Amino acid sequence: MAFCNKNKMFFALLLLWSAYVVIGVFAFSAVEGSARKEKENEERSWSYENSFWFTFVLLTTIGYGDLYPVTLLGKVLCVVYAFFGIPITILFLRLIGQYIFRGQRWLVTAIETRCMRKYDPPNRLNGKCFVLGFIYLLLLLLAGAGVQMWVEADWSYEGSIYFYAISFTTVGFGDMLPSNKYIVVAFIFLQLTAVSSMLHAAASMTLVRRVTARVDNDDERDIHANGKDVQATFKAADSK
């Protein structure tokens, strides 16, 4: 039952996020289409392709700065769109990361039981899933850099790795901009899902859970101590 509910939530978020992206593409293209930064520069125009690119980097908080609204209505739309769209994107990526993490747990268990003939539950399963997620991210990084170097005539392999590393960490300096944006969107989205799976694995590791539990306990003690101080202050004021 829980698995079915999670599947329904996933497809609901998928439809919601996809519809939100489509709405953003048409909205920004319509609002900013008549106000180009440079009319002779096609890369600065608000075509559907560029509007999709802007929408993606806005929702993922990368923000290369190569395209931005210049009208008042466009700026207001950008703020409202990001305010609702970024949480939706985070939830969507989080859910995808959960699915990948569950697949990694199944894969590690299957390898140890079927290939290595270990019939006991795997030791440090979450740590192994974290390493597996890191390998998945690294493969995406290297593959994306190779494809990007092949597509971009003046990009080196090292520069392509730098571009993707800066992108999936959502830094997005904007010092390197791709000409083929659809390839970049696909690889960056996959890399973000890999990061999400790694965060799920890390959050499930025993050491991380102990640290977070210790922080929560310290916070609870501070809250109780502050509450007692406030009560003592009120009692002292009432006695006067």
Protein backbone atom coordinates (compact mmCIF):
# COMPACT_ATOMS: atom_id res chain seq x y z
CA MET A 1 0.00 0.00 0.00
CA ALA A 2 2.79 2.42 0.91
CA PHE A 3 4.61 1.55 -2.32
CA CYS A 4 1.49 2.30 -4.38
CA ASN A 5 0.98 5.61 -2.59
CA LYS A 6 4.60 6.58 -3.26
CA ASN A 7 4.19 5.69 -6.94
CA LYS A 8 1.08 7.84 -7.13
CA MET A 9 2.95 10.70 -5.47
CA PHE A 10 5.83 10.30 -7.92
CA PHE A 11 3.60 10.46 -11.00
CA ALA A 12 1.66 13.36 -9.50
CA LEU A 13 4.90 15.29 -8.92
CA LEU A 14 6.14 14.34 -12.39
CA LEU A 15 3.00 15.73 -14.01
CA LEU A 16 3.02 18.81 -11.77
CA TRP A 17 6.68 19.59 -12.44
CA SER A 18 6.36 18.99 -16.18
CA ALA A 19 3.27 21.19 -16.40
CA TYR A 20 5.00 23.86 -14.33
CA VAL A 21 7.98 23.87 -16.69
CA VAL A 22 5.72 24.14 -19.76
CA ILE A 23 3.80 27.01 -18.19
CA GLY A 24 7.06 28.77 -17.42
CA VAL A 25 8.35 28.36 -20.98
CA PHE A 26 5.26 29.92 -22.52
CA ALA A 27 4.90 32.59 -19.83
CA PHE A 28 8.48 33.88 -20.00
CA SER A 29 8.53 33.68 -23.78
CA ALA A 30 5.34 35.74 -23.97
CA VAL A 31 6.30 38.32 -21.33
CA GLU A 32 9.95 38.82 -22.32
CA GLY A 33 9.71 37.95 -26.01
CA SER A 34 9.34 41.56 -27.10
CA ALA A 35 12.16 42.85 -24.90
CA ARG A 36 15.44 41.37 -26.14
CA LYS A 37 18.76 42.31 -24.72
CA GLU A 38 20.31 42.32 -28.17
CA LYS A 39 18.01 41.89 -31.14
CA GLU A 40 20.80 40.79 -33.41
CA ASN A 41 21.99 38.14 -30.94
CA GLU A 42 19.77 35.08 -31.28
CA GLU A 43 21.16 33.49 -28.09
CA ARG A 44 19.79 36.39 -26.03
CA SER A 45 16.29 36.16 -27.52
CA TRP A 46 13.41 34.64 -25.58
CA SER A 47 12.64 31.80 -27.95
CA TYR A 48 10.96 28.68 -26.62
CA GLU A 49 14.35 26.94 -26.45
CA ASN A 50 15.94 29.74 -24.45
CA SER A 51 12.85 30.10 -22.26
CA PHE A 52 13.07 26.40 -21.45
CA TRP A 53 16.76 26.83 -20.63
CA PHE A 54 16.00 29.80 -18.37
CA THR A 55 13.18 27.91 -16.65
CA PHE A 56 15.42 24.91 -15.96
CA VAL A 57 18.33 26.88 -14.51
CA LEU A 58 15.87 28.91 -12.45
CA LEU A 59 14.12 25.89 -10.92
CA THR A 60 17.41 24.13 -10.20
CA THR A 61 18.90 27.37 -8.75
CA ILE A 62 21.95 27.16 -11.03
CA GLY A 63 21.42 30.58 -12.61
CA TYR A 64 24.18 31.10 -15.16
CA GLY A 65 23.10 34.70 -15.70
CA ASP A 66 23.16 34.48 -19.50
CA LEU A 67 19.42 35.11 -19.71
CA TYR A 68 17.34 37.15 -17.29
CA PRO A 69 14.09 39.18 -17.34
CA VAL A 70 14.34 42.89 -18.06
CA THR A 71 10.69 43.96 -17.81
CA LEU A 72 8.96 44.66 -14.51
CA LEU A 73 6.30 42.05 -15.22
CA GLY A 74 8.99 39.53 -16.12
CA LYS A 75 10.87 40.14 -12.88
CA VAL A 76 7.72 39.79 -10.77
CA LEU A 77 6.83 36.61 -12.67
CA CYS A 78 10.35 35.28 -12.09
CA VAL A 79 10.13 35.80 -8.32
CA VAL A 80 6.68 34.22 -7.98
CA TYR A 81 7.58 31.37 -10.33
CA ALA A 82 10.76 30.56 -8.42
CA PHE A 83 9.03 30.85 -5.04
CA PHE A 84 6.67 28.00 -5.87
CA GLY A 85 8.76 26.13 -8.46
CA ILE A 86 11.96 25.58 -6.49
CA PRO A 87 10.23 23.66 -3.64
CA ILE A 88 8.39 21.54 -6.23
CA THR A 89 11.70 20.75 -7.93
CA ILE A 90 13.35 19.87 -4.62
CA LEU A 91 10.51 17.48 -3.73
CA PHE A 92 10.65 15.93 -7.20
CA LEU A 93 14.41 15.36 -7.03
CA ARG A 94 14.10 14.06 -3.48
CA LEU A 95 11.56 11.45 -4.53
CA ILE A 96 13.68 10.36 -7.50
CA GLY A 97 16.65 10.07 -5.17
CA GLN A 98 14.61 7.79 -2.90
CA TYR A 99 13.82 5.49 -5.81
CA ILE A 100 17.48 5.37 -6.85
CA PHE A 101 18.54 4.70 -3.26
CA ARG A 102 16.07 1.82 -2.97
CA GLY A 103 17.37 0.41 -6.26
CA GLN A 104 20.94 0.65 -4.99
CA ARG A 105 20.03 -1.20 -1.81
CA TRP A 106 18.41 -3.96 -3.86
CA LEU A 107 21.42 -4.12 -6.20
CA VAL A 108 23.98 -4.37 -3.39
CA THR A 109 21.92 -7.05 -1.63
CA ALA A 110 21.47 -9.02 -4.87
CA ILE A 111 25.19 -8.91 -5.67
CA GLU A 112 26.21 -10.11 -2.22
CA THR A 113 23.61 -12.89 -1.99
CA ARG A 114 23.61 -14.19 -5.58
CA CYS A 115 27.16 -13.50 -6.74
CA MET A 116 29.19 -13.52 -3.53
CA ARG A 117 27.06 -16.17 -1.78
CA LYS A 118 26.62 -14.06 1.36
CA TYR A 119 23.22 -14.88 2.77
CA ASP A 120 23.41 -12.63 5.82
CA PRO A 121 22.14 -9.04 5.56
CA PRO A 122 24.84 -6.81 3.98
CA ASN A 123 27.09 -4.94 6.35
CA ARG A 124 27.21 -1.15 6.02
CA LEU A 125 24.58 -1.27 3.31
CA ASN A 126 23.93 2.47 3.33
CA GLY A 127 27.64 3.25 3.08
CA LYS A 128 27.94 0.96 0.08
CA CYS A 129 24.95 2.69 -1.51
CA PHE A 130 26.66 6.05 -0.94
CA VAL A 131 29.77 4.80 -2.76
CA LEU A 132 27.57 3.42 -5.54
CA GLY A 133 25.83 6.77 -5.86
CA PHE A 134 29.18 8.53 -6.05
CA ILE A 135 30.30 6.19 -8.83
CA TYR A 136 27.04 6.88 -10.67
CA LEU A 137 27.63 10.62 -10.32
CA LEU A 138 31.24 10.31 -11.45
CA LEU A 139 30.25 8.31 -14.55
CA LEU A 140 27.63 10.93 -15.43
CA LEU A 141 30.21 13.68 -14.97
CA LEU A 142 32.80 11.99 -17.20
CA ALA A 143 30.24 10.97 -19.83
CA GLY A 144 28.65 14.42 -19.90
CA ALA A 145 32.03 16.08 -20.25
CA GLY A 146 32.92 13.79 -23.15
CA VAL A 147 29.67 14.48 -24.99
CA GLN A 148 29.96 18.21 -24.36
CA MET A 149 33.54 18.31 -25.64
CA TRP A 150 32.36 16.56 -28.80
CA VAL A 151 29.45 18.98 -29.28
CA GLU A 152 31.28 22.20 -28.40
CA ALA A 153 34.12 22.79 -30.84
CA ASP A 154 36.17 25.04 -28.54
CA TRP A 155 35.70 23.14 -25.25
CA SER A 156 38.39 20.93 -23.77
CA TYR A 157 37.65 17.81 -21.74
CA GLU A 158 38.96 19.43 -18.57
CA GLY A 159 36.85 22.52 -19.20
CA SER A 160 33.76 20.36 -19.76
CA ILE A 161 34.34 18.54 -16.46
CA TYR A 162 34.68 21.91 -14.74
CA PHE A 163 31.45 23.13 -16.33
CA TYR A 164 29.42 20.14 -15.19
CA ALA A 165 30.97 20.13 -11.72
CA ILE A 166 30.07 23.79 -11.27
CA SER A 167 26.60 23.11 -12.65
CA PHE A 168 25.45 20.11 -10.61
CA THR A 169 26.68 21.82 -7.44
CA THR A 170 24.31 24.67 -8.50
CA VAL A 171 27.10 27.27 -8.39
CA GLY A 172 26.70 28.27 -12.03
CA PHE A 173 29.32 30.97 -12.56
CA GLY A 174 28.27 31.50 -16.17
CA ASP A 175 31.86 31.76 -17.44
CA MET A 176 31.21 28.82 -19.79
CA LEU A 177 27.92 28.58 -21.69
CA PRO A 178 26.91 25.66 -23.93
CA SER A 179 25.50 26.02 -27.42
CA ASN A 180 23.50 22.76 -27.22
CA LYS A 181 21.39 23.28 -24.14
CA TYR A 182 19.22 20.16 -24.31
CA ILE A 183 22.19 17.83 -23.75
CA VAL A 184 23.26 19.92 -20.75
CA VAL A 185 19.75 19.83 -19.24
CA ALA A 186 19.61 16.03 -19.48
CA PHE A 187 23.02 15.43 -17.90
CA ILE A 188 22.60 18.02 -15.15
CA PHE A 189 19.20 16.63 -14.20
CA LEU A 190 20.64 13.11 -13.97
CA GLN A 191 23.56 14.41 -11.92
CA LEU A 192 21.17 16.12 -9.51
CA THR A 193 19.29 12.84 -9.06
CA ALA A 194 22.63 11.15 -8.29
CA VAL A 195 23.36 13.78 -5.64
CA SER A 196 19.89 13.23 -4.20
CA SER A 197 20.49 9.47 -3.90
CA MET A 198 23.83 10.13 -2.17
CA LEU A 199 22.12 12.43 0.34
CA HIS A 200 19.54 9.74 1.09
CA ALA A 201 22.30 7.18 1.63
CA ALA A 202 24.26 9.57 3.84
CA ALA A 203 21.17 10.42 5.91
CA SER A 204 20.59 6.69 6.52
CA MET A 205 24.14 5.98 7.68
CA THR A 206 24.50 5.23 11.40
CA LEU A 207 27.16 7.86 12.06
CA VAL A 208 25.14 10.66 10.44
CA ARG A 209 22.00 9.61 12.32
CA ARG A 210 23.90 9.68 15.61
CA VAL A 211 25.24 13.16 14.89
CA THR A 212 21.82 14.52 13.91
CA ALA A 213 20.22 12.87 16.95
CA ARG A 214 22.85 14.48 19.19
CA VAL A 215 22.15 17.89 17.65
CA ASP A 216 18.39 17.41 18.11
CA ASN A 217 18.88 16.45 21.77
CA ASP A 218 21.07 19.51 22.35
CA ASP A 219 18.43 21.71 20.73
CA GLU A 220 15.70 20.23 22.95
CA ARG A 221 17.78 20.87 26.06
CA ASP A 222 18.39 24.46 24.97
CA ILE A 223 14.68 24.97 24.35
CA HIS A 224 13.75 23.60 27.78
CA ALA A 225 16.45 25.69 29.45
CA ASN A 226 15.28 28.85 27.68
CA GLY A 227 11.69 28.06 28.59
CA LYS A 228 12.60 27.76 32.25
CA ASP A 229 14.50 31.05 32.09
CA VAL A 230 11.47 32.78 30.56
CA GLN A 231 9.17 31.32 33.20
CA ALA A 232 11.52 32.47 35.97
CA THR A 233 11.59 35.96 34.47
CA PHE A 234 7.79 36.16 34.42
CA LYS A 235 7.52 34.87 37.98
CA ALA A 236 10.03 37.47 39.14
CA ALA A 237 8.10 40.20 37.35
CA ASP A 238 4.79 39.06 38.87
CA SER A 239 6.28 39.03 42.40
CA LYS A 240 7.27 42.65 42.02
